[in-house]
C-alpha cells in the first residue's frame, strides 16, 4: 500500500481532511482574529505554521479539483494561487523551522505543492490521533 503523502494522486494526501469550505472558513477566522488582536501597533497579521499549512493545503485542494474538472487554461489561476500559497509555507518553514532549500527537493512550484501535501498529511494524521 502506498503512503498517501507520497501517492501519485495528489488528493490522497487530503484523505480525512475537513471539507474545503470548512477549511476556508477556518483560514478566514484566523485572519480576522489576527487583525482584531494586533496589539503591537501592526495589523496583527503574523500567523503561525498551522495557518500557512492549512491555507496552502486548501488552495492546493481547490487546484487539484480544478485541474481534474476543467481545461488547463481554466484551471490555471487556481494552480497559480496554490503555487503561491505553497511557496509561502516553504518560506515560513525556511525562516522558522530551519528548512534548508539548499540541496532540498523543494525547488519548483510543483515541489512546493508536493511539500504541502506531505506536511499536511503528516499534520492531519497526528491531529486525528
C-alpha atoms as a PDB file:
ATOM      1  CA  UNK A   1       0.000   0.000   0.000  1.00  0.00           C
ATOM      2  CA  UNK A   2       1.306   3.456  -0.933  1.00  0.00           C
ATOM      3  CA  UNK A   3       1.598   6.108   1.742  1.00  0.00           C
ATOM      4  CA  UNK A   4      -0.922   8.849   0.933  1.00  0.00           C
ATOM      5  CA  UNK A   5       1.702  11.549   1.377  1.00  0.00           C
ATOM      6  CA  UNK A   6       3.796  10.005  -1.410  1.00  0.00           C
ATOM      7  CA  UNK A   7       0.950   8.866  -3.654  1.00  0.00           C
ATOM      8  CA  UNK A   8       0.817   9.853  -7.303  1.00  0.00           C
ATOM      9  CA  UNK A   9      -2.753  11.007  -6.611  1.00  0.00           C
ATOM     10  CA  UNK A  10      -2.430  14.494  -5.077  1.00  0.00           C
ATOM     11  CA  UNK A  11      -5.844  14.229  -3.421  1.00  0.00           C
ATOM     12  CA  UNK A  12      -4.695  11.184  -1.407  1.00  0.00           C
ATOM     13  CA  UNK A  13      -2.746  13.442   0.969  1.00  0.00           C
ATOM     14  CA  UNK A  14      -6.047  15.042   1.960  1.00  0.00           C
ATOM     15  CA  UNK A  15      -7.911  11.857   2.873  1.00  0.00           C
ATOM     16  CA  UNK A  16      -9.777  12.513   6.096  1.00  0.00           C
ATOM     17  CA  UNK A  17      -9.292  16.264   5.851  1.00  0.00           C
ATOM     18  CA  UNK A  18     -12.137  18.611   6.750  1.00  0.00           C
ATOM     19  CA  UNK A  19     -14.289  19.799   3.865  1.00  0.00           C
ATOM     20  CA  UNK A  20     -12.804  22.571   1.747  1.00  0.00           C
ATOM     21  CA  UNK A  21     -15.488  25.031   2.833  1.00  0.00           C
ATOM     22  CA  UNK A  22     -14.721  24.300   6.487  1.00  0.00           C
ATOM     23  CA  UNK A  23     -11.015  24.917   5.890  1.00  0.00           C
ATOM     24  CA  UNK A  24     -11.695  28.185   4.058  1.00  0.00           C
ATOM     25  CA  UNK A  25     -13.810  29.353   6.990  1.00  0.00           C
ATOM     26  CA  UNK A  26     -11.076  28.342   9.449  1.00  0.00           C
ATOM     27  CA  UNK A  27      -8.485  30.356   7.476  1.00  0.00           C
ATOM     28  CA  UNK A  28     -10.778  33.392   7.336  1.00  0.00           C
ATOM     29  CA  UNK A  29     -11.427  33.209  11.089  1.00  0.00           C
ATOM     30  CA  UNK A  30      -7.675  33.151  11.741  1.00  0.00           C
ATOM     31  CA  UNK A  31      -7.123  36.212   9.575  1.00  0.00           C
ATOM     32  CA  UNK A  32      -9.926  38.077  11.305  1.00  0.00           C
ATOM     33  CA  UNK A  33      -8.666  37.086  14.769  1.00  0.00           C
ATOM     34  CA  UNK A  34      -5.093  38.117  13.988  1.00  0.00           C
ATOM     35  CA  UNK A  35      -6.227  41.509  12.778  1.00  0.00           C
ATOM     36  CA  UNK A  36      -8.505  42.158  15.714  1.00  0.00           C
ATOM     37  CA  UNK A  37      -5.922  41.122  18.325  1.00  0.00           C
ATOM     38  CA  UNK A  38      -2.950  43.007  16.873  1.00  0.00           C
ATOM     39  CA  UNK A  39      -1.665  44.863  19.902  1.00  0.00           C
ATOM     40  CA  UNK A  40       1.864  45.729  18.796  1.00  0.00           C
ATOM     41  CA  UNK A  41       0.917  48.628  16.543  1.00  0.00           C
ATOM     42  CA  UNK A  42       0.663  46.405  13.476  1.00  0.00           C
ATOM     43  CA  UNK A  43      -2.424  44.924  11.942  1.00  0.00           C
ATOM     44  CA  UNK A  44      -1.707  41.663  13.789  1.00  0.00           C
ATOM     45  CA  UNK A  45      -1.385  39.526  10.666  1.00  0.00           C
ATOM     46  CA  UNK A  46       1.586  37.435  11.808  1.00  0.00           C
ATOM     47  CA  UNK A  47       0.359  33.875  11.520  1.00  0.00           C
ATOM     48  CA  UNK A  48       1.685  30.557  12.764  1.00  0.00           C
ATOM     49  CA  UNK A  49       2.690  27.479  10.774  1.00  0.00           C
ATOM     50  CA  UNK A  50      -0.694  25.788  11.096  1.00  0.00           C
ATOM     51  CA  UNK A  51      -2.284  28.784   9.389  1.00  0.00           C
ATOM     52  CA  UNK A  52       0.162  28.741   6.449  1.00  0.00           C
ATOM     53  CA  UNK A  53      -0.084  24.955   6.142  1.00  0.00           C
ATOM     54  CA  UNK A  54      -3.864  24.843   6.155  1.00  0.00           C
ATOM     55  CA  UNK A  55      -4.109  27.818   3.808  1.00  0.00           C
ATOM     56  CA  UNK A  56      -1.667  26.243   1.342  1.00  0.00           C
ATOM     57  CA  UNK A  57      -3.452  22.909   1.587  1.00  0.00           C
ATOM     58  CA  UNK A  58      -6.896  24.360   0.915  1.00  0.00           C
ATOM     59  CA  UNK A  59      -5.626  26.223  -2.154  1.00  0.00           C
ATOM     60  CA  UNK A  60      -3.868  23.057  -3.326  1.00  0.00           C
ATOM     61  CA  UNK A  61      -7.056  21.026  -2.882  1.00  0.00           C
ATOM     62  CA  UNK A  62      -9.020  23.585  -4.893  1.00  0.00           C
ATOM     63  CA  UNK A  63      -6.386  23.499  -7.651  1.00  0.00           C
ATOM     64  CA  UNK A  64      -6.383  19.693  -7.713  1.00  0.00           C
ATOM     65  CA  UNK A  65     -10.161  19.713  -8.192  1.00  0.00           C
ATOM     66  CA  UNK A  66      -9.979  22.440 -10.856  1.00  0.00           C
ATOM     67  CA  UNK A  67      -7.314  20.557 -12.837  1.00  0.00           C
ATOM     68  CA  UNK A  68      -9.381  17.361 -12.675  1.00  0.00           C
ATOM     69  CA  UNK A  69     -12.536  19.153 -13.775  1.00  0.00           C
ATOM     70  CA  UNK A  70     -11.594  21.896 -16.233  1.00  0.00           C
ATOM     71  CA  UNK A  71      -9.337  22.595 -19.174  1.00  0.00           C
ATOM     72  CA  UNK A  72      -5.803  23.721 -18.263  1.00  0.00           C
ATOM     73  CA  UNK A  73      -6.408  27.364 -19.176  1.00  0.00           C
ATOM     74  CA  UNK A  74      -9.479  27.440 -16.942  1.00  0.00           C
ATOM     75  CA  UNK A  75      -7.650  25.818 -14.010  1.00  0.00           C
ATOM     76  CA  UNK A  76      -4.508  27.952 -14.445  1.00  0.00           C
ATOM     77  CA  UNK A  77      -5.468  30.658 -11.913  1.00  0.00           C
ATOM     78  CA  UNK A  78      -6.246  28.087  -9.220  1.00  0.00           C
ATOM     79  CA  UNK A  79      -2.907  26.382  -9.867  1.00  0.00           C
ATOM     80  CA  UNK A  80      -1.057  29.708  -9.742  1.00  0.00           C
ATOM     81  CA  UNK A  81      -2.729  30.582  -6.445  1.00  0.00           C
ATOM     82  CA  UNK A  82      -1.901  27.148  -4.988  1.00  0.00           C
ATOM     83  CA  UNK A  83       1.729  27.540  -6.043  1.00  0.00           C
ATOM     84  CA  UNK A  84       1.975  30.956  -4.372  1.00  0.00           C
ATOM     85  CA  UNK A  85       0.441  29.640  -1.146  1.00  0.00           C
ATOM     86  CA  UNK A  86       2.768  26.628  -1.198  1.00  0.00           C
ATOM     87  CA  UNK A  87       5.785  28.901  -1.669  1.00  0.00           C
ATOM     88  CA  UNK A  88       4.619  30.947   1.328  1.00  0.00           C
ATOM     89  CA  UNK A  89       4.584  27.828   3.524  1.00  0.00           C
ATOM     90  CA  UNK A  90       8.053  26.859   2.280  1.00  0.00           C
ATOM     91  CA  UNK A  91       9.293  30.383   3.062  1.00  0.00           C
ATOM     92  CA  UNK A  92       7.732  30.209   6.517  1.00  0.00           C
ATOM     93  CA  UNK A  93       9.371  26.865   7.224  1.00  0.00           C
ATOM     94  CA  UNK A  94      12.720  28.078   5.896  1.00  0.00           C
ATOM     95  CA  UNK A  95      12.530  31.077   8.240  1.00  0.00           C
ATOM     96  CA  UNK A  96      11.037  29.451  11.340  1.00  0.00           C
ATOM     97  CA  UNK A  97      11.846  25.743  11.333  1.00  0.00           C
ATOM     98  CA  UNK A  98      15.240  25.557   9.689  1.00  0.00           C
ATOM     99  CA  UNK A  99      14.058  24.002   6.433  1.00  0.00           C
ATOM    100  CA  UNK A 100      17.021  24.320   4.124  1.00  0.00           C
ATOM    101  CA  UNK A 101      16.241  24.892   0.486  1.00  0.00           C
ATOM    102  CA  UNK A 102      19.859  24.237  -0.488  1.00  0.00           C
ATOM    103  CA  UNK A 103      20.016  20.661  -1.758  1.00  0.00           C
ATOM    104  CA  UNK A 104      16.326  20.256  -0.950  1.00  0.00           C
ATOM    105  CA  UNK A 105      13.623  18.658  -3.032  1.00  0.00           C
ATOM    106  CA  UNK A 106      11.641  21.900  -2.679  1.00  0.00           C
ATOM    107  CA  UNK A 107      12.727  23.771  -5.803  1.00  0.00           C
ATOM    108  CA  UNK A 108       9.931  24.057  -8.356  1.00  0.00           C
ATOM    109  CA  UNK A 109       6.356  25.157  -7.805  1.00  0.00           C
ATOM    110  CA  UNK A 110       5.236  21.525  -8.100  1.00  0.00           C
ATOM    111  CA  UNK A 111       7.858  20.553  -5.492  1.00  0.00           C
ATOM    112  CA  UNK A 112       6.380  23.152  -3.164  1.00  0.00           C
ATOM    113  CA  UNK A 113       2.882  21.784  -3.686  1.00  0.00           C
ATOM    114  CA  UNK A 114       4.134  18.235  -3.053  1.00  0.00           C
ATOM    115  CA  UNK A 115       5.775  19.545   0.138  1.00  0.00           C
ATOM    116  CA  UNK A 116       2.426  20.984   1.244  1.00  0.00           C
ATOM    117  CA  UNK A 117       0.767  17.610   0.645  1.00  0.00           C
ATOM    118  CA  UNK A 118       3.391  15.723   2.668  1.00  0.00           C
ATOM    119  CA  UNK A 119       3.315  18.223   5.506  1.00  0.00           C
ATOM    120  CA  UNK A 120      -0.486  18.417   5.598  1.00  0.00           C
ATOM    121  CA  UNK A 121      -0.827  14.637   5.538  1.00  0.00           C
ATOM    122  CA  UNK A 122       1.592  14.336   8.450  1.00  0.00           C
ATOM    123  CA  UNK A 123      -0.090  17.168  10.391  1.00  0.00           C
ATOM    124  CA  UNK A 124      -3.587  15.808   9.780  1.00  0.00           C
ATOM    125  CA  UNK A 125      -2.586  12.285  10.798  1.00  0.00           C
ATOM    126  CA  UNK A 126      -1.161  13.487  14.127  1.00  0.00           C
ATOM    127  CA  UNK A 127      -4.162  15.762  14.668  1.00  0.00           C
ATOM    128  CA  UNK A 128      -6.570  12.856  14.276  1.00  0.00           C
ATOM    129  CA  UNK A 129      -4.680  10.505  16.617  1.00  0.00           C
END
